[in-house]
Amino acid sequence: MKFSYTILFIIISYFLFNCNQKTELTIHVLQFNIWQEGTIIEGGFDAIVNEIIRTKSDLIAFSEVRNYNKINFNEHIIEALKDKGYTYYAQKSQDTGLLSKYPIISQTALYPVINDHGSITKAIINVLGEEIAFYSGHLDYLNCALYLPRGYDGSTWKKLDNPITNIDTIQKVNLVSKRDEAIDVFIKDAKNEIKQGRIVIYGGDNNEPSHLDWIEANKNRYDHHGVVINWRNTFELQKAGFTDVYREKYPNPITHPGFTYPANNKDIPIEKLAWSPDADDRDRIDFIFYYPDDRLKLNDVKIVGPKGDIVRNKRITETTNDEFIEPFAIWPTDHKAILASFSLTY
C-alpha cells in the first residue's frame, strides 16, 4: 500500500495544532477585610462563608485573621465551606490569611505580624499547572496619615486643632508606620517570583490611600483640604511595575472613587464605624495589584459590600458610578471587599 504524504502531513498538523492550543480559565480574586474574623457582628462568620460562595471566589486574601480561642480560623472556614459542598485549601496564619480553590504548594509569613504592626502572608498556588505567587497584606494601621488633612491624629484618632496639610509633615508621619517596610519586602520577594516565571497577585488592606486618588481634580473633596499627594506605597508599587486593578478598570477617581472604608454596615451602631466623626474620611484603602503577564488578563472589577458609607457621623448612599455587588443579608465587616475577575491562559 502506497503511503500518502498528504495524510502524514494532516496527522502531524493535527497534533501540532492541538499541542499548541491554549485554554482559558476565569479566576475570581477577592480581597476581604473580615473585621476580626466576623466576630464584631452576630452571624458574621457565616456571612463571610456565604460571600465567598456567592462571589464564586477562587483566591481570597483575608485581613484580620486572629485565631480566637485557639481555633485555627483557616481550618474553621474550610470546614464551614466543606459543609456547604465547597472544597478550598488553606494553611494556618496570623493577621493575614489565604484561601484557595486550588492546591497550595507552600505558604510563608513573608512579613510576620509583630505587635500588631501589619503583616503579609504569601502562598505558591498551583492553578492547573500554572504557579501563582499570591500575597495577602494587612498593613500597619498606626500613623495612619490619611486622617491628618481631615483634622484627626492617625494613631489616637483624637481631633486636632486644625487639619494638617503640609505634605512633608504628612509623608513623615506616614513613614513612621511599618507599611513601607512591608511593601518593600513584598516588592523584593515578588520580583524574585517573577524571575522564576510565576504570576504575582497581591490583595490587601493597606491602611493607606492611593496616589492615583489624591489628585488635583479632587483636592477639595472628601476633606482632602487641598492636599495633592503621592502616597508612598501605591506609588512604589506602580514604579515597580504593578497594576492596581481598580484604577486599570476605572481610571477616573471622580466618577469611580471606589471607596472601601468606612462602609455603612446597617447592623452596627454608627459610633463603631466613624473614627473621625466630624470629617469625611471616605477613602480607597483596600486593593488588588498584579504584575502584568501575558498569561493573565483583567476582565472586571467590582466592589462587594453595601453601597453606603459613613460621612460626618451620618449614613449616606453613594451616587457614584462605581459598580457594587451588594449583600443579600448580613455584611460582616466595616470595609468593602474588592472582587477582580481574570482570564488565565494555560
Protein backbone atom coordinates (compact mmCIF):
# COMPACT_ATOMS: atom_id res chain seq x y z
CA MET A 1 0.00 0.00 0.00
CA LYS A 2 1.46 3.34 -1.07
CA PHE A 3 1.75 5.75 1.87
CA SER A 4 0.25 9.16 1.31
CA TYR A 5 2.44 12.12 2.37
CA THR A 6 -0.73 14.18 2.36
CA ILE A 7 -2.21 12.00 5.10
CA LEU A 8 1.06 12.20 7.08
CA PHE A 9 1.02 16.00 6.79
CA ILE A 10 -2.57 16.13 8.03
CA ILE A 11 -1.79 13.88 11.03
CA ILE A 12 1.30 15.90 12.04
CA SER A 13 -0.54 19.20 11.60
CA TYR A 14 -3.42 17.95 13.76
CA PHE A 15 -1.13 17.00 16.64
CA LEU A 16 0.93 20.19 16.38
CA PHE A 17 -2.23 22.30 16.39
CA ASN A 18 -3.67 20.55 19.45
CA CYS A 19 -0.36 20.65 21.34
CA ASN A 20 -0.10 24.39 20.83
CA GLN A 21 -3.70 25.15 21.77
CA LYS A 22 -4.13 27.21 24.91
CA THR A 23 -7.03 27.03 27.33
CA GLU A 24 -8.56 29.97 29.20
CA LEU A 25 -9.75 29.79 32.76
CA THR A 26 -11.61 32.52 34.66
CA ILE A 27 -10.35 33.09 38.18
CA HIS A 28 -12.01 35.36 40.72
CA VAL A 29 -9.79 37.08 43.29
CA LEU A 30 -11.37 38.52 46.43
CA GLN A 31 -9.65 40.92 48.82
CA PHE A 32 -11.61 40.80 52.08
CA ASN A 33 -11.03 42.54 55.42
CA ILE A 34 -13.18 40.32 57.66
CA TRP A 35 -13.17 42.56 60.78
CA GLN A 36 -11.81 40.30 63.49
CA GLU A 37 -12.97 37.10 61.75
CA GLY A 38 -16.57 38.36 61.57
CA THR A 39 -16.89 38.38 65.38
CA ILE A 40 -18.00 42.02 65.68
CA ILE A 41 -21.40 41.33 64.20
CA GLU A 42 -23.81 38.49 65.02
CA GLY A 43 -23.68 35.91 62.24
CA GLY A 44 -20.53 37.50 60.82
CA PHE A 45 -18.57 34.28 60.32
CA ASP A 46 -21.42 32.64 58.38
CA ALA A 47 -21.72 35.81 56.30
CA ILE A 48 -18.03 35.54 55.33
CA VAL A 49 -18.63 31.98 54.17
CA ASN A 50 -21.75 32.99 52.23
CA GLU A 51 -19.98 35.88 50.47
CA ILE A 52 -17.14 33.60 49.33
CA ILE A 53 -19.67 31.23 47.82
CA ARG A 54 -21.83 33.98 46.31
CA THR A 55 -18.89 35.71 44.62
CA LYS A 56 -17.53 32.39 43.31
CA SER A 57 -14.12 33.43 44.58
CA ASP A 58 -11.15 31.22 43.74
CA LEU A 59 -8.37 33.08 45.57
CA ILE A 60 -9.16 35.04 48.73
CA ALA A 61 -6.87 37.40 50.64
CA PHE A 62 -8.08 37.87 54.24
CA SER A 63 -7.20 40.68 56.63
CA GLU A 64 -7.73 40.41 60.41
CA VAL A 65 -7.25 36.68 60.97
CA ARG A 66 -6.90 36.24 64.76
CA ASN A 67 -7.38 32.52 65.58
CA TYR A 68 -9.51 33.45 68.58
CA ASN A 69 -9.87 30.94 71.43
CA LYS A 70 -7.03 28.90 69.89
CA ILE A 71 -9.28 27.96 66.97
CA ASN A 72 -7.47 27.84 63.64
CA PHE A 73 -9.54 30.25 61.54
CA ASN A 74 -8.43 28.75 58.23
CA GLU A 75 -9.37 25.23 59.28
CA HIS A 76 -12.66 26.56 60.61
CA ILE A 77 -13.61 28.26 57.36
CA ILE A 78 -12.51 25.30 55.23
CA GLU A 79 -14.80 23.03 57.25
CA ALA A 80 -17.69 25.50 57.02
CA LEU A 81 -17.31 25.65 53.23
CA LYS A 82 -16.99 21.86 53.03
CA ASP A 83 -20.29 21.52 54.91
CA LYS A 84 -21.87 23.53 52.09
CA GLY A 85 -20.26 21.37 49.40
CA TYR A 86 -17.23 23.51 48.50
CA THR A 87 -13.58 22.46 48.64
CA TYR A 88 -10.91 25.02 49.49
CA TYR A 89 -7.32 24.91 50.71
CA ALA A 90 -5.62 26.99 53.41
CA GLN A 91 -2.86 26.83 56.00
CA LYS A 92 -2.69 28.39 59.44
CA SER A 93 -1.67 32.04 59.52
CA GLN A 94 -1.90 35.13 61.71
CA ASP A 95 -3.35 38.57 60.88
CA THR A 96 -3.43 37.85 57.16
CA GLY A 97 -4.72 34.67 55.55
CA LEU A 98 -5.09 32.99 52.18
CA LEU A 99 -7.84 30.72 50.91
CA SER A 100 -7.67 28.93 47.57
CA LYS A 101 -9.80 26.61 45.45
CA TYR A 102 -6.53 25.26 44.10
CA PRO A 103 -3.79 23.36 45.96
CA ILE A 104 -1.28 25.36 47.96
CA ILE A 105 2.29 24.24 47.25
CA SER A 106 3.81 26.28 50.06
CA GLN A 107 2.96 29.14 52.41
CA THR A 108 5.15 31.55 54.39
CA ALA A 109 4.74 34.51 56.70
CA LEU A 110 6.65 36.81 54.38
CA TYR A 111 6.31 39.82 56.68
CA PRO A 112 5.24 38.37 60.05
CA VAL A 113 2.98 40.35 62.33
CA ILE A 114 4.81 41.86 65.32
CA ASN A 115 2.94 43.94 67.92
CA ASP A 116 0.03 44.40 65.50
CA HIS A 117 2.07 46.42 63.00
CA GLY A 118 0.73 44.57 59.98
CA SER A 119 1.73 41.51 58.00
CA ILE A 120 1.98 39.89 54.58
CA THR A 121 1.35 36.17 54.03
CA LYS A 122 2.48 34.50 50.81
CA ALA A 123 1.43 31.26 49.15
CA ILE A 124 2.52 29.50 45.96
CA ILE A 125 -0.63 28.07 44.40
CA ASN A 126 -0.88 25.52 41.59
CA VAL A 127 -3.69 26.56 39.26
CA LEU A 128 -3.92 23.75 36.71
CA GLY A 129 -0.17 23.72 36.17
CA GLU A 130 0.40 27.47 36.35
CA GLU A 131 2.01 28.66 39.57
CA ILE A 132 0.69 31.85 41.16
CA ALA A 133 2.52 33.68 43.93
CA PHE A 134 -0.46 35.03 45.88
CA TYR A 135 0.04 37.53 48.69
CA SER A 136 -2.33 38.80 51.38
CA GLY A 137 -1.49 42.07 53.11
CA HIS A 138 -2.87 43.85 56.16
CA LEU A 139 -0.58 46.80 56.71
CA ASP A 140 0.11 48.79 59.86
CA TYR A 141 -2.96 50.74 60.97
CA LEU A 142 -0.99 53.19 63.15
CA ASN A 143 0.42 56.53 61.97
CA CYS A 144 -2.47 56.46 59.53
CA ALA A 145 -1.63 59.74 57.84
CA LEU A 146 -4.79 59.91 55.73
CA TYR A 147 -6.51 61.33 58.83
CA LEU A 148 -4.18 64.33 59.21
CA PRO A 149 -5.68 66.50 56.42
CA ARG A 150 -9.07 65.62 57.89
CA GLY A 151 -8.15 67.07 61.24
CA TYR A 152 -7.52 63.89 63.24
CA ASP A 153 -4.46 62.17 64.67
CA GLY A 154 -3.65 58.96 62.78
CA SER A 155 -2.78 56.90 65.86
CA THR A 156 -5.08 58.18 68.62
CA TRP A 157 -7.90 59.46 66.38
CA LYS A 158 -8.22 62.50 68.61
CA LYS A 159 -9.42 65.63 66.89
CA LEU A 160 -6.66 68.13 66.05
CA ASP A 161 -6.90 71.88 66.44
CA ASN A 162 -6.57 72.20 62.64
CA PRO A 163 -6.16 69.89 59.66
CA ILE A 164 -2.52 69.18 58.76
CA THR A 165 -2.00 69.89 55.05
CA ASN A 166 1.78 70.18 54.81
CA ILE A 167 2.83 67.34 52.53
CA ASP A 168 6.26 66.88 54.10
CA THR A 169 4.65 66.50 57.53
CA ILE A 170 2.07 64.05 56.22
CA GLN A 171 4.74 61.94 54.49
CA LYS A 172 6.96 61.98 57.56
CA VAL A 173 4.15 60.66 59.78
CA ASN A 174 3.25 58.11 57.11
CA LEU A 175 6.79 56.73 57.04
CA VAL A 176 6.84 56.22 60.81
CA SER A 177 4.41 53.37 60.21
CA LYS A 178 5.62 49.90 59.16
CA ARG A 179 3.60 49.97 55.94
CA ASP A 180 6.55 50.95 53.77
CA GLU A 181 8.78 48.22 55.25
CA ALA A 182 6.11 45.60 54.46
CA ILE A 183 5.60 46.79 50.89
CA ASP A 184 9.35 46.90 50.26
CA VAL A 185 9.62 43.27 51.41
CA PHE A 186 6.75 42.34 49.10
CA ILE A 187 8.26 44.08 46.07
CA LYS A 188 11.65 42.43 46.57
CA ASP A 189 10.11 38.97 47.01
CA ALA A 190 7.67 39.39 44.12
CA LYS A 191 10.46 40.37 41.73
CA ASN A 192 12.19 37.08 42.55
CA GLU A 193 8.96 35.15 41.88
CA ILE A 194 8.55 36.94 38.55
CA LYS A 195 12.09 35.91 37.57
CA GLN A 196 11.08 32.31 38.29
CA GLY A 197 8.19 32.63 35.85
CA ARG A 198 5.36 32.80 38.38
CA ILE A 199 2.29 35.01 38.13
CA VAL A 200 2.08 37.52 41.00
CA ILE A 201 -1.14 38.80 42.62
CA TYR A 202 -1.44 40.85 45.83
CA GLY A 203 -4.59 41.65 47.78
CA GLY A 204 -4.54 43.79 50.88
CA ASP A 205 -6.00 46.31 53.28
CA ASN A 206 -3.12 48.78 53.06
CA ASN A 207 -4.46 51.33 55.56
CA GLU A 208 -3.10 53.96 53.18
CA PRO A 209 -4.75 55.60 50.15
CA SER A 210 -3.62 55.65 46.54
CA HIS A 211 -1.59 58.38 44.85
CA LEU A 212 -3.97 57.86 41.90
CA ASP A 213 -6.86 59.12 44.05
CA TRP A 214 -5.48 62.20 45.84
CA ILE A 215 -5.08 64.26 42.69
CA GLU A 216 -5.61 67.88 41.62
CA ALA A 217 -9.16 67.19 40.40
CA ASN A 218 -10.45 66.20 43.84
CA LYS A 219 -8.15 68.14 46.14
CA ASN A 220 -11.15 69.92 47.65
CA ARG A 221 -13.35 66.82 48.02
CA TYR A 222 -13.61 64.29 50.83
CA ASP A 223 -11.88 66.67 53.26
CA HIS A 224 -8.57 66.50 51.39
CA HIS A 225 -8.32 70.21 52.19
CA GLY A 226 -6.31 71.00 49.08
CA VAL A 227 -3.80 68.18 49.53
CA VAL A 228 -2.40 66.51 46.40
CA ILE A 229 -0.01 63.77 47.44
CA ASN A 230 1.94 60.80 46.11
CA TRP A 231 1.03 58.28 48.78
CA ARG A 232 4.21 56.31 49.16
CA ASN A 233 3.21 52.67 48.86
CA THR A 234 0.91 52.68 45.85
CA PHE A 235 3.46 54.93 44.14
CA GLU A 236 6.25 52.43 44.86
CA LEU A 237 4.12 49.53 43.64
CA GLN A 238 3.38 51.35 40.40
CA LYS A 239 7.06 52.25 39.98
CA ALA A 240 7.94 48.57 40.38
CA GLY A 241 5.53 47.69 37.56
CA PHE A 242 2.47 46.52 39.49
CA THR A 243 -1.04 47.36 38.32
CA ASP A 244 -3.90 48.50 40.57
CA VAL A 245 -6.87 46.58 39.17
CA TYR A 246 -9.45 49.16 40.19
CA ARG A 247 -7.65 52.05 38.53
CA GLU A 248 -6.89 49.94 35.46
CA LYS A 249 -10.61 49.30 35.02
CA TYR A 250 -11.80 52.71 36.29
CA PRO A 251 -9.05 55.32 35.85
CA ASN A 252 -11.21 58.30 36.86
CA PRO A 253 -11.36 58.76 40.66
CA ILE A 254 -14.07 61.41 40.29
CA THR A 255 -16.65 59.16 38.62
CA HIS A 256 -15.36 55.98 40.29
CA PRO A 257 -13.78 56.84 43.66
CA GLY A 258 -14.07 53.18 44.72
CA PHE A 259 -14.34 53.90 48.44
CA THR A 260 -13.81 50.83 50.59
CA TYR A 261 -13.82 52.46 54.03
CA PRO A 262 -15.71 53.32 56.20
CA ALA A 263 -18.57 51.18 54.92
CA ASN A 264 -22.10 51.73 56.16
CA ASN A 265 -22.85 48.46 57.88
CA LYS A 266 -26.53 48.78 58.77
CA ASP A 267 -26.25 46.28 61.61
CA ILE A 268 -23.55 48.18 63.52
CA PRO A 269 -24.03 51.33 65.65
CA ILE A 270 -22.59 54.31 63.82
CA GLU A 271 -20.19 55.18 66.65
CA LYS A 272 -18.33 51.91 65.92
CA LEU A 273 -17.96 52.87 62.26
CA ALA A 274 -16.87 56.52 62.44
CA TRP A 275 -13.26 57.00 63.57
CA SER A 276 -13.26 60.72 62.69
CA PRO A 277 -16.90 61.66 63.30
CA ASP A 278 -16.65 65.30 62.20
CA ALA A 279 -14.85 64.52 58.94
CA ASP A 280 -15.45 62.97 55.54
CA ASP A 281 -12.83 60.22 55.60
CA ARG A 282 -14.11 58.12 52.72
CA ASP A 283 -11.14 56.51 51.00
CA ARG A 284 -9.94 53.57 48.95
CA ILE A 285 -7.54 51.64 51.16
CA ASP A 286 -8.26 48.06 50.02
CA PHE A 287 -6.50 46.90 46.86
CA ILE A 288 -5.72 44.13 44.42
CA PHE A 289 -2.47 44.51 42.47
CA TYR A 290 -0.95 42.20 39.88
CA TYR A 291 2.16 42.14 37.76
CA PRO A 292 1.38 42.27 34.01
CA ASP A 293 1.81 38.86 32.43
CA ASP A 294 0.83 37.51 29.01
CA ARG A 295 -1.00 34.66 30.73
CA LEU A 296 -3.20 36.97 32.81
CA LYS A 297 -5.86 39.39 31.57
CA LEU A 298 -8.05 41.56 33.81
CA ASN A 299 -11.71 41.24 32.86
CA ASP A 300 -13.73 43.02 35.51
CA VAL A 301 -13.62 44.60 38.96
CA LYS A 302 -16.46 45.23 41.38
CA ILE A 303 -16.87 46.43 44.94
CA VAL A 304 -18.52 43.88 47.21
CA GLY A 305 -20.46 45.33 50.13
CA PRO A 306 -23.01 47.99 51.00
CA LYS A 307 -23.41 50.94 48.64
CA GLY A 308 -23.45 53.30 51.60
CA ASP A 309 -20.66 54.98 53.54
CA ILE A 310 -20.20 56.99 56.72
CA VAL A 311 -19.72 60.75 56.30
CA ARG A 312 -19.52 63.12 59.26
CA ASN A 313 -21.22 60.62 61.54
CA LYS A 314 -24.09 60.02 59.13
CA ARG A 315 -25.04 57.11 56.93
CA ILE A 316 -25.16 58.04 53.25
CA THR A 317 -25.83 56.20 49.99
CA GLU A 318 -23.27 56.73 47.23
CA THR A 319 -24.32 58.22 43.88
CA THR A 320 -21.04 57.46 42.10
CA ASN A 321 -20.66 55.25 39.02
CA ASP A 322 -18.92 52.51 40.98
CA GLU A 323 -20.33 49.02 40.44
CA PHE A 324 -21.40 47.16 43.58
CA ILE A 325 -22.32 43.63 44.49
CA GLU A 326 -24.50 44.45 47.48
CA PRO A 327 -25.02 41.99 50.35
CA PHE A 328 -28.17 39.90 50.35
CA ALA A 329 -28.35 39.93 54.13
CA ILE A 330 -25.66 40.39 56.78
CA TRP A 331 -22.45 42.17 55.83
CA PRO A 332 -19.69 41.03 58.23
CA THR A 333 -17.31 43.99 58.22
CA ASP A 334 -16.72 47.74 58.28
CA HIS A 335 -14.79 47.56 54.99
CA LYS A 336 -15.94 46.79 51.48
CA ALA A 337 -14.25 43.99 49.57
CA ILE A 338 -12.73 44.06 46.09
CA LEU A 339 -13.54 41.32 43.55
CA ALA A 340 -11.43 41.05 40.38
CA SER A 341 -12.06 38.64 37.54
CA PHE A 342 -9.11 37.49 35.42
CA SER A 343 -8.67 35.25 32.41
CA LEU A 344 -5.77 32.87 32.93
CA THR A 345 -4.29 31.25 29.82
CA TYR A 346 -2.56 27.94 30.47
